[in-house]
Amino acid sequence: MSLGTLLAWFAVGLIVTMVDPSDTEPVVFAVFYTSLFLALTGMFSILGFVTRVMLLRKRFFVSRQVAVSFRQAVLLAGLIITALLLRGHGMLTWWTTLLMVAALTSLEFFFISARLRR
């Protein structure tokens, strides 16, 4: 996962330094947002897992904590990418941000409650 995250950050850096956003094709934006999503997901997943290891100190199943870290990383990266896309189109406001955070919080609570039922 670390290697994939580094490659994704390399792709983001390459696009930021080499591409002029004022005269580029939409596919370049798609590649940029995809690589940024992958880089953020990897970074948040690794940080979340390391934080859990340091805080919980061997009182957990590693596979479960990796899955939780990855799920939360995907949600957070999706929130950031969606906010950037909305900002790029001039549609990001404080209340749309609050709605997105509330929706993702509700989704996370759903995942937690579904896991507790099993």
Foldseek 3Di string as FASTA:
>chain_A
DVVLLVVLVVLLVCLVVPPDVVDDDVVSVVSNLVSQLSNQLVVQLVVQLVVCCVVVPPPDDSVVSSVLSNVVSNLVSVLVSVQVVCVVVVNDDPVVSVVSVVVSVVVNVVVVVVVVVD
